[in-house]
N, C-alpha and C. Protein backbone atom coordinates (compact mmCIF):
# COMPACT_ATOMS: atom_id res chain seq x y z
N MET A 1 -49.47 21.13 -9.80
CA MET A 1 -47.95 21.09 -9.59
C MET A 1 -47.25 20.66 -8.40
N PRO A 2 -46.25 19.44 -8.90
CA PRO A 2 -45.30 18.81 -7.86
C PRO A 2 -44.46 20.09 -7.20
N ARG A 3 -44.08 19.46 -5.81
CA ARG A 3 -43.32 20.60 -5.11
C ARG A 3 -42.04 20.56 -5.58
N PRO A 4 -40.98 21.55 -5.82
CA PRO A 4 -39.85 21.68 -6.06
C PRO A 4 -38.87 20.73 -5.21
N CYS A 5 -37.83 20.21 -6.13
CA CYS A 5 -37.25 19.44 -5.61
C CYS A 5 -36.22 20.18 -4.27
N LYS A 6 -36.01 20.04 -3.45
CA LYS A 6 -35.02 20.49 -2.36
C LYS A 6 -33.74 20.07 -2.56
N ARG A 7 -32.84 21.19 -2.33
CA ARG A 7 -31.21 20.65 -2.44
C ARG A 7 -30.66 20.17 -1.43
N ARG A 8 -30.12 19.02 -1.46
CA ARG A 8 -29.25 18.03 -0.56
C ARG A 8 -28.03 19.05 -0.24
N ARG A 9 -27.81 19.07 1.02
CA ARG A 9 -26.55 19.64 1.61
C ARG A 9 -25.52 18.57 1.31
N VAL A 10 -24.33 18.91 0.83
CA VAL A 10 -23.16 17.81 0.33
C VAL A 10 -21.84 18.42 0.84
N CYS A 11 -20.76 17.88 1.48
CA CYS A 11 -20.07 18.47 1.97
C CYS A 11 -18.77 18.97 1.19
N ALA A 12 -18.45 17.98 0.29
CA ALA A 12 -17.28 18.29 -0.83
C ALA A 12 -17.79 17.27 -2.04
N LEU A 13 -17.37 17.89 -3.08
CA LEU A 13 -17.31 17.38 -4.30
C LEU A 13 -16.73 15.97 -4.34
N PRO A 14 -17.01 14.67 -5.16
CA PRO A 14 -16.09 13.69 -4.99
C PRO A 14 -14.79 14.05 -5.83
N GLU A 15 -13.65 13.25 -5.23
CA GLU A 15 -12.30 13.69 -5.64
C GLU A 15 -12.26 12.82 -7.41
N ARG A 16 -12.89 11.72 -7.22
CA ARG A 16 -12.85 11.35 -8.82
C ARG A 16 -14.29 11.21 -9.36
N GLN A 17 -14.91 11.54 -10.41
CA GLN A 17 -16.03 11.01 -11.11
C GLN A 17 -16.56 10.18 -12.08
N CYS A 18 -15.17 9.58 -12.40
CA CYS A 18 -15.27 8.57 -13.16
C CYS A 18 -14.30 7.17 -12.63
N PHE A 19 -15.22 5.90 -12.76
CA PHE A 19 -14.60 4.62 -12.60
C PHE A 19 -15.07 4.22 -13.86
N ARG A 20 -13.81 3.07 -14.19
CA ARG A 20 -14.16 1.87 -15.40
C ARG A 20 -13.90 0.58 -14.93
N SER A 21 -14.51 -0.50 -15.17
CA SER A 21 -13.98 -2.01 -15.05
C SER A 21 -13.15 -2.10 -15.87
N ALA A 22 -12.03 -3.14 -15.32
CA ALA A 22 -11.25 -3.71 -16.20
C ALA A 22 -12.10 -4.35 -17.40
N GLU A 23 -12.95 -5.21 -17.23
CA GLU A 23 -13.69 -5.95 -18.17
C GLU A 23 -15.17 -5.71 -18.87
N GLY A 24 -14.70 -3.98 -18.67
CA GLY A 24 -16.38 -3.56 -19.25
C GLY A 24 -16.78 -3.96 -20.53
N GLY A 25 -17.96 -4.07 -20.55
CA GLY A 25 -18.43 -4.63 -21.76
C GLY A 25 -18.52 -3.56 -23.00
N PRO A 26 -18.28 -3.77 -24.09
CA PRO A 26 -18.25 -2.58 -25.13
C PRO A 26 -19.72 -2.23 -25.23
N GLY A 27 -20.24 -0.66 -25.42
CA GLY A 27 -21.16 -0.66 -25.74
C GLY A 27 -22.19 -0.35 -24.47
N GLN A 28 -21.73 -0.52 -23.42
CA GLN A 28 -22.60 0.03 -22.47
C GLN A 28 -22.64 1.32 -22.25
N SER A 29 -24.30 1.46 -21.82
CA SER A 29 -24.24 2.72 -21.42
C SER A 29 -23.55 3.27 -20.03
N PRO A 30 -22.91 4.50 -19.66
CA PRO A 30 -22.36 4.79 -18.31
C PRO A 30 -23.58 4.67 -17.28
N ILE A 31 -23.62 4.03 -16.07
CA ILE A 31 -24.40 4.33 -15.05
C ILE A 31 -23.88 5.50 -14.58
N GLN A 32 -24.90 6.15 -14.11
CA GLN A 32 -25.01 7.81 -13.68
C GLN A 32 -25.13 7.92 -12.24
N LEU A 33 -24.21 7.92 -11.00
CA LEU A 33 -24.35 8.35 -9.82
C LEU A 33 -24.33 9.73 -9.37
N THR A 34 -25.49 10.24 -8.90
CA THR A 34 -25.64 11.77 -8.72
C THR A 34 -24.59 11.85 -7.57
N VAL A 35 -24.40 13.53 -7.28
CA VAL A 35 -23.77 13.73 -6.03
C VAL A 35 -24.49 13.59 -4.77
N ASP A 36 -25.69 13.70 -4.49
CA ASP A 36 -26.04 13.33 -3.34
C ASP A 36 -26.26 12.00 -3.10
N GLU A 37 -26.56 11.07 -4.36
CA GLU A 37 -26.32 9.71 -3.84
C GLU A 37 -24.88 9.21 -3.88
N PHE A 38 -24.03 10.07 -4.11
CA PHE A 38 -22.60 9.46 -3.51
C PHE A 38 -22.41 9.97 -2.06
N GLU A 39 -22.94 11.17 -2.01
CA GLU A 39 -22.66 11.61 -0.38
C GLU A 39 -23.66 10.84 0.66
N THR A 40 -24.63 10.11 -0.04
CA THR A 40 -25.20 8.88 1.14
C THR A 40 -24.38 8.07 1.40
N ILE A 41 -23.98 7.35 0.12
CA ILE A 41 -23.09 6.25 0.11
C ILE A 41 -21.66 6.86 1.31
N ARG A 42 -21.45 7.87 1.17
CA ARG A 42 -19.92 8.31 1.73
C ARG A 42 -20.34 8.28 3.18
N LEU A 43 -21.56 9.06 3.56
CA LEU A 43 -21.79 9.42 5.04
C LEU A 43 -22.43 8.13 5.71
N MET A 44 -22.80 7.05 5.01
CA MET A 44 -23.52 5.91 5.69
C MET A 44 -22.68 4.70 5.47
N ASP A 45 -21.93 4.53 4.71
CA ASP A 45 -21.23 3.41 4.77
C ASP A 45 -19.50 3.74 5.09
N LEU A 46 -19.38 4.99 4.52
CA LEU A 46 -17.80 4.92 4.72
C LEU A 46 -17.30 5.80 6.19
N GLU A 47 -18.56 6.74 6.77
CA GLU A 47 -18.54 7.35 7.73
C GLU A 47 -19.22 6.70 9.19
N GLY A 48 -20.36 6.13 8.71
CA GLY A 48 -20.80 5.05 9.70
C GLY A 48 -22.21 5.42 10.23
N LEU A 49 -22.72 6.68 9.30
CA LEU A 49 -23.88 7.52 10.32
C LEU A 49 -24.98 6.63 9.89
N SER A 50 -26.12 7.00 10.80
CA SER A 50 -27.50 6.53 10.35
C SER A 50 -28.37 6.97 9.89
N GLN A 51 -29.22 6.41 9.00
CA GLN A 51 -29.88 7.42 8.42
C GLN A 51 -30.65 8.49 8.66
N ALA A 52 -30.88 8.65 9.96
CA ALA A 52 -31.38 9.95 10.69
C ALA A 52 -30.16 10.86 10.71
N GLU A 53 -29.15 10.36 10.90
CA GLU A 53 -27.56 11.44 11.21
C GLU A 53 -27.64 11.77 9.61
N CYS A 54 -27.57 11.29 9.01
CA CYS A 54 -27.21 11.39 7.24
C CYS A 54 -28.58 12.50 7.10
N ALA A 55 -29.62 12.43 7.22
CA ALA A 55 -30.73 13.26 6.78
C ALA A 55 -30.28 14.49 7.59
N ARG A 56 -30.02 14.67 8.96
CA ARG A 56 -29.60 15.84 9.57
C ARG A 56 -28.56 16.66 8.82
N GLN A 57 -27.70 15.72 8.34
CA GLN A 57 -26.24 16.71 7.88
C GLN A 57 -26.59 17.01 6.06
N MET A 58 -27.39 16.20 5.58
CA MET A 58 -28.02 16.27 4.06
C MET A 58 -29.12 17.50 4.13
N GLU A 59 -29.91 17.83 5.54
CA GLU A 59 -30.64 18.55 5.63
C GLU A 59 -31.97 18.27 4.75
N VAL A 60 -32.22 17.09 5.09
CA VAL A 60 -33.61 16.55 4.21
C VAL A 60 -34.20 15.43 5.19
N SER A 61 -35.35 14.93 4.88
CA SER A 61 -35.98 14.05 5.68
C SER A 61 -35.40 12.87 5.37
N ARG A 62 -35.26 11.94 6.64
CA ARG A 62 -34.82 10.57 6.61
C ARG A 62 -35.43 9.47 5.71
N ALA A 63 -36.92 9.66 5.03
CA ALA A 63 -37.56 9.04 4.21
C ALA A 63 -36.67 9.09 2.72
N THR A 64 -36.39 10.68 2.55
CA THR A 64 -35.73 11.20 1.27
C THR A 64 -34.34 10.53 1.59
N VAL A 65 -33.41 10.70 2.47
CA VAL A 65 -32.31 9.98 2.55
C VAL A 65 -32.42 8.26 2.15
N GLN A 66 -33.12 7.88 2.91
CA GLN A 66 -33.61 6.61 2.61
C GLN A 66 -33.83 6.10 1.16
N ALA A 67 -34.56 6.97 0.24
CA ALA A 67 -34.94 6.78 -1.06
C ALA A 67 -33.56 6.70 -2.02
N ILE A 68 -32.82 7.81 -1.62
CA ILE A 68 -31.27 8.19 -2.39
C ILE A 68 -30.36 7.22 -2.10
N TYR A 69 -30.35 6.62 -0.87
CA TYR A 69 -29.63 5.35 -0.60
C TYR A 69 -29.67 4.25 -1.38
N GLY A 70 -31.15 4.05 -1.23
CA GLY A 70 -31.76 2.74 -2.07
C GLY A 70 -31.16 2.83 -3.37
N ALA A 71 -31.39 4.08 -4.24
CA ALA A 71 -30.97 4.12 -5.57
C ALA A 71 -29.70 4.16 -6.15
N ALA A 72 -28.85 4.73 -4.90
CA ALA A 72 -27.45 4.81 -5.47
C ALA A 72 -26.78 3.24 -4.95
N ARG A 73 -27.44 2.75 -3.74
CA ARG A 73 -26.81 1.10 -3.92
C ARG A 73 -27.38 0.26 -4.54
N ALA A 74 -28.37 0.37 -5.52
CA ALA A 74 -28.88 -0.39 -6.79
C ALA A 74 -27.81 -0.04 -8.10
N LYS A 75 -27.35 1.37 -8.03
CA LYS A 75 -26.56 1.70 -9.31
C LYS A 75 -25.10 1.05 -8.98
N VAL A 76 -24.78 1.16 -7.66
CA VAL A 76 -23.55 0.69 -7.13
C VAL A 76 -23.19 -0.86 -7.40
N ALA A 77 -24.46 -1.73 -7.04
CA ALA A 77 -24.16 -3.05 -7.45
C ALA A 77 -24.37 -3.41 -8.80
N GLN A 78 -25.39 -2.38 -9.55
CA GLN A 78 -25.34 -2.98 -11.20
C GLN A 78 -24.01 -2.67 -11.63
N PHE A 79 -22.94 -1.60 -11.23
CA PHE A 79 -21.42 -1.60 -11.82
C PHE A 79 -20.66 -2.68 -11.47
N LEU A 80 -20.75 -3.08 -10.07
CA LEU A 80 -20.27 -4.07 -9.41
C LEU A 80 -20.30 -5.50 -10.30
N VAL A 81 -21.47 -5.67 -10.88
CA VAL A 81 -21.98 -6.87 -11.07
C VAL A 81 -21.63 -7.10 -12.88
N ARG A 82 -21.85 -5.71 -13.37
CA ARG A 82 -22.18 -5.59 -14.74
C ARG A 82 -20.69 -5.16 -15.68
N GLY A 83 -20.14 -4.57 -14.63
CA GLY A 83 -18.96 -3.60 -15.09
C GLY A 83 -19.50 -2.29 -16.01
N GLY A 84 -18.33 -2.06 -16.68
CA GLY A 84 -18.88 -1.12 -17.58
C GLY A 84 -17.97 0.33 -16.95
N GLU A 85 -18.87 1.22 -16.88
CA GLU A 85 -18.57 2.74 -16.21
C GLU A 85 -19.13 3.23 -15.58
N LEU A 86 -18.61 3.93 -14.26
CA LEU A 86 -19.82 4.80 -13.44
C LEU A 86 -19.36 6.07 -13.03
N THR A 87 -20.20 7.09 -13.19
CA THR A 87 -19.90 8.72 -13.30
C THR A 87 -20.64 9.36 -11.88
N ILE A 88 -20.16 10.04 -11.54
CA ILE A 88 -20.68 10.87 -10.76
C ILE A 88 -20.70 12.31 -10.92
N GLY A 89 -21.95 12.91 -10.87
CA GLY A 89 -22.37 13.84 -11.27
C GLY A 89 -23.67 14.29 -11.23
N GLY A 90 -23.80 15.72 -11.10
CA GLY A 90 -25.57 16.17 -11.33
C GLY A 90 -25.98 16.25 -9.99
N GLY A 91 -27.31 16.21 -9.99
CA GLY A 91 -28.24 16.33 -9.05
C GLY A 91 -28.50 17.40 -8.44
N ALA A 92 -29.58 17.62 -7.68
CA ALA A 92 -29.92 18.94 -7.23
C ALA A 92 -29.29 18.67 -5.62
N PHE A 93 -28.21 19.69 -5.39
CA PHE A 93 -27.72 19.66 -4.13
C PHE A 93 -26.77 21.44 -4.06
N SER A 94 -26.51 21.53 -2.85
CA SER A 94 -25.77 22.73 -2.39
C SER A 94 -24.75 22.29 -1.79
N LEU A 95 -23.27 23.22 -1.76
CA LEU A 95 -22.48 22.57 -1.30
C LEU A 95 -21.96 23.18 0.12
N CYS A 96 -21.75 22.58 0.96
CA CYS A 96 -21.24 23.29 2.06
C CYS A 96 -20.40 24.40 2.26
N PRO A 97 -20.42 25.21 3.07
CA PRO A 97 -19.39 26.19 3.02
C PRO A 97 -18.01 26.20 2.85
N GLY A 98 -17.16 26.39 2.29
CA GLY A 98 -15.85 26.20 2.27
C GLY A 98 -14.50 26.51 2.83
N GLY A 99 -13.58 26.22 3.40
CA GLY A 99 -12.53 27.11 3.97
C GLY A 99 -11.63 26.40 4.33
N LYS A 100 -10.40 26.52 5.06
CA LYS A 100 -9.38 25.91 5.50
C LYS A 100 -10.13 25.23 6.96
N GLN A 101 -10.65 25.78 7.65
CA GLN A 101 -10.96 25.02 8.88
C GLN A 101 -11.97 23.98 8.97
N GLY A 102 -12.65 23.22 7.69
CA GLY A 102 -13.25 22.64 7.71
C GLY A 102 -14.98 22.90 7.98
N CYS A 103 -15.72 21.86 7.46
CA CYS A 103 -17.14 21.97 7.39
C CYS A 103 -17.52 21.68 9.03
N PRO A 104 -18.48 23.10 9.73
CA PRO A 104 -18.90 22.32 10.99
C PRO A 104 -19.70 21.14 11.21
N ARG A 105 -20.37 20.91 10.10
CA ARG A 105 -21.43 19.64 9.89
C ARG A 105 -20.89 18.41 9.93
N CYS A 106 -19.76 18.34 9.08
CA CYS A 106 -19.37 16.87 8.95
C CYS A 106 -17.69 16.71 9.45
N HIS A 107 -17.46 17.94 9.94
CA HIS A 107 -15.84 17.95 10.39
C HIS A 107 -14.49 17.56 9.61
N ARG A 108 -15.02 17.58 8.23
CA ARG A 108 -14.07 17.41 7.47
C ARG A 108 -13.70 18.66 6.40
N HIS A 109 -12.63 18.52 5.73
CA HIS A 109 -12.32 19.61 5.03
C HIS A 109 -13.41 19.71 3.55
N CYS A 110 -13.58 21.12 3.66
CA CYS A 110 -14.19 21.23 2.50
C CYS A 110 -13.47 22.01 1.36
N HIS A 111 -13.79 21.88 0.05
CA HIS A 111 -12.90 22.89 -0.55
C HIS A 111 -12.03 23.93 -0.46
N GLU A 112 -10.86 24.31 -0.47
CA GLU A 112 -10.30 25.62 -0.07
C GLU A 112 -10.98 26.70 -1.14
N GLY A 113 -10.68 27.61 -0.32
CA GLY A 113 -10.73 29.00 -1.12
C GLY A 113 -12.51 29.65 -1.16
N GLY A 114 -13.26 28.61 -0.45
CA GLY A 114 -14.79 29.03 -0.19
C GLY A 114 -14.84 30.29 0.93
N ASN A 115 -16.13 30.68 0.90
CA ASN A 115 -16.22 31.58 1.90
C ASN A 115 -17.29 31.27 2.50
N SER A 116 -17.90 31.90 3.17
CA SER A 116 -19.16 31.65 4.31
C SER A 116 -20.32 31.39 3.44
N HIS A 117 -20.38 31.84 2.21
CA HIS A 117 -21.86 31.61 1.31
C HIS A 117 -21.78 30.58 0.92
N GLU A 118 -23.07 29.69 0.88
CA GLU A 118 -23.29 28.42 0.00
C GLU A 118 -23.11 28.87 -1.08
N LYS A 119 -22.49 27.44 -1.78
CA LYS A 119 -22.84 27.43 -3.21
C LYS A 119 -23.56 26.49 -3.74
N ASP A 120 -24.34 27.13 -4.73
CA ASP A 120 -25.28 26.15 -5.34
C ASP A 120 -24.53 25.46 -6.73
N ARG A 121 -24.86 24.22 -6.36
CA ARG A 121 -24.46 23.34 -7.61
C ARG A 121 -25.51 22.50 -8.13
N GLY A 122 -25.21 22.39 -9.32
CA GLY A 122 -26.57 21.36 -10.27
C GLY A 122 -25.76 20.44 -10.88
N ASP A 123 -24.38 20.91 -11.32
CA ASP A 123 -23.81 19.86 -12.44
C ASP A 123 -22.19 19.69 -11.99
N LEU A 124 -21.29 18.83 -11.78
CA LEU A 124 -20.24 18.79 -11.66
C LEU A 124 -19.46 19.49 -12.60
């Protein structure tokens, strides 16, 4: 029996879940980027974290982050080159505790209205 998938820690859900290119080809199926793939792109490319720092924040191994990041980059590249639609949602992740003080792990504001308990999400 395979080992169950460990939920990856995500700071906040993406503000936008769908992107469409102006020249998207008709009949193309949407490219699905999971929330944890989006988080690795955000942490490493936008925030400038290393793979090791990203792994600590997401509470997974560095090798896991490397695999997630590789899959995410391939999907983003496919969207940029071929066009169409990119959607973000799903995946095995847990949302950081929210609150107005922000997330102690990433120093960004998580969704307001949360409490100190972790929120498990499987879908957006």
